[in-house]
Amino acid sequence: MKETKDKLEVVRGSGNVFRDLGHPRADVEQFKAILAAELIKALDRERLTVRAAHDRTGFAAADFSRIRNADLKRFTVDRLMSMLNRLGSRIEVKVKVRRVATVAERIPA
């Protein structure tokens, strides 16, 4: 391997990768990703196939496959929460609201 002397720039993230990448609905996407990760944990913990998850919850097996493949665009937050509830999980959400400067406030006069 070739050794390099270039310095790497380290940038601290915001804690939300979608915000860091400039996604317009970053908070919703982050919340959906967290819920999807919890769904996958529940499926793995109980060793459920997508078909078994369908039998238990009534949600389509294809939905569980989409979640496993991180294809979340068809899902709403409340739908993901309902799926988790039907798998026997209860969800506690803490909300922290912080004011962010508007575009006009960020542009120097």
Protein backbone atom coordinates (compact mmCIF):
# COMPACT_ATOMS: atom_id res chain seq x y z
CA MET A 1 0.00 0.00 0.00
CA LYS A 2 1.18 3.48 -0.81
CA GLU A 3 1.64 5.68 2.22
CA THR A 4 0.10 9.13 1.92
CA LYS A 5 1.10 12.29 3.73
CA ASP A 6 -2.16 14.14 2.99
CA LYS A 7 -4.05 15.34 6.03
CA LEU A 8 -7.65 14.32 6.34
CA GLU A 9 -10.19 16.90 7.40
CA VAL A 10 -12.37 15.70 10.25
CA VAL A 11 -15.86 17.16 10.34
CA ARG A 12 -18.22 16.59 13.25
CA GLY A 13 -21.71 15.59 12.11
CA SER A 14 -24.94 16.96 13.45
CA GLY A 15 -26.15 13.55 14.63
CA ASN A 16 -28.53 13.37 11.68
CA VAL A 17 -26.86 12.09 8.53
CA PHE A 18 -29.80 13.24 6.40
CA ARG A 19 -29.36 16.83 7.63
CA ASP A 20 -25.63 16.62 7.02
CA LEU A 21 -26.36 15.55 3.43
CA GLY A 22 -28.79 18.44 2.94
CA HIS A 23 -32.04 16.49 2.70
CA PRO A 24 -35.07 18.81 3.00
CA ARG A 25 -37.04 16.44 5.30
CA ALA A 26 -34.04 15.31 7.31
CA ASP A 27 -35.80 15.02 10.66
CA VAL A 28 -38.58 12.83 9.25
CA GLU A 29 -36.09 10.64 7.39
CA GLN A 30 -33.99 10.21 10.55
CA PHE A 31 -37.05 9.26 12.60
CA LYS A 32 -38.17 6.75 9.96
CA ALA A 33 -34.68 5.22 9.87
CA ILE A 34 -34.68 4.82 13.67
CA LEU A 35 -38.11 3.16 13.59
CA ALA A 36 -37.02 0.86 10.74
CA ALA A 37 -33.92 -0.16 12.70
CA GLU A 38 -36.13 -1.03 15.68
CA LEU A 39 -38.41 -3.08 13.41
CA ILE A 40 -35.43 -5.02 12.08
CA LYS A 41 -34.21 -5.62 15.65
CA ALA A 42 -37.66 -6.94 16.61
CA LEU A 43 -37.74 -9.28 13.61
CA ASP A 44 -34.23 -10.54 14.34
CA ARG A 45 -34.86 -10.92 18.07
CA GLU A 46 -37.89 -13.12 17.42
CA ARG A 47 -36.31 -14.79 14.39
CA LEU A 48 -39.29 -13.84 12.23
CA THR A 49 -39.26 -14.19 8.48
CA VAL A 50 -41.11 -11.54 6.52
CA ARG A 51 -43.93 -14.03 5.98
CA ALA A 52 -44.15 -14.80 9.70
CA ALA A 53 -44.18 -11.05 10.41
CA HIS A 54 -47.04 -10.71 7.93
CA ASP A 55 -48.97 -13.50 9.67
CA ARG A 56 -48.47 -11.88 13.06
CA THR A 57 -49.20 -8.26 12.10
CA GLY A 58 -51.35 -8.28 8.98
CA PHE A 59 -48.87 -5.99 7.19
CA ALA A 60 -47.65 -7.27 3.83
CA ALA A 61 -44.51 -9.41 3.76
CA ALA A 62 -43.26 -7.11 1.00
CA ASP A 63 -43.42 -4.19 3.46
CA PHE A 64 -41.08 -5.99 5.83
CA SER A 65 -38.76 -6.78 2.92
CA ARG A 66 -38.69 -3.09 1.94
CA ILE A 67 -37.83 -2.14 5.51
CA ARG A 68 -35.01 -4.70 5.63
CA ASN A 69 -33.67 -3.16 2.40
CA ALA A 70 -33.93 0.41 3.81
CA ASP A 71 -36.49 1.36 1.17
CA LEU A 72 -38.59 3.62 3.39
CA LYS A 73 -40.06 6.08 0.90
CA ARG A 74 -43.49 4.36 0.93
CA PHE A 75 -43.79 4.46 4.71
CA THR A 76 -45.14 7.11 7.03
CA VAL A 77 -43.93 7.47 10.59
CA ASP A 78 -47.31 6.36 11.96
CA ARG A 79 -47.33 3.25 9.78
CA LEU A 80 -43.88 2.22 11.00
CA MET A 81 -45.01 2.83 14.57
CA SER A 82 -48.11 0.67 14.01
CA MET A 83 -45.96 -2.14 12.66
CA LEU A 84 -43.73 -1.97 15.74
CA ASN A 85 -46.79 -1.98 18.02
CA ARG A 86 -48.19 -5.08 16.34
CA LEU A 87 -44.87 -6.82 16.91
CA GLY A 88 -45.29 -6.14 20.62
CA SER A 89 -43.10 -3.06 21.03
CA ARG A 90 -44.15 0.15 22.72
CA ILE A 91 -42.63 3.41 21.56
CA GLU A 92 -41.60 6.36 23.67
CA VAL A 93 -40.69 9.53 21.79
CA LYS A 94 -38.92 12.55 23.24
CA VAL A 95 -39.11 15.73 21.20
CA LYS A 96 -36.58 18.53 21.41
CA VAL A 97 -37.31 21.63 19.35
CA ARG A 98 -34.53 24.07 18.58
CA ARG A 99 -34.89 27.26 16.61
CA VAL A 100 -32.74 27.38 13.48
CA ALA A 101 -31.80 30.61 11.75
CA THR A 102 -33.74 31.26 8.55
CA VAL A 103 -31.91 31.66 5.26
CA ALA A 104 -32.39 35.45 5.46
CA GLU A 105 -30.84 35.54 8.95
CA ARG A 106 -27.81 33.52 7.83
CA ILE A 107 -26.91 35.75 4.87
CA PRO A 108 -24.76 38.70 5.95
CA ALA A 109 -26.13 42.11 4.98
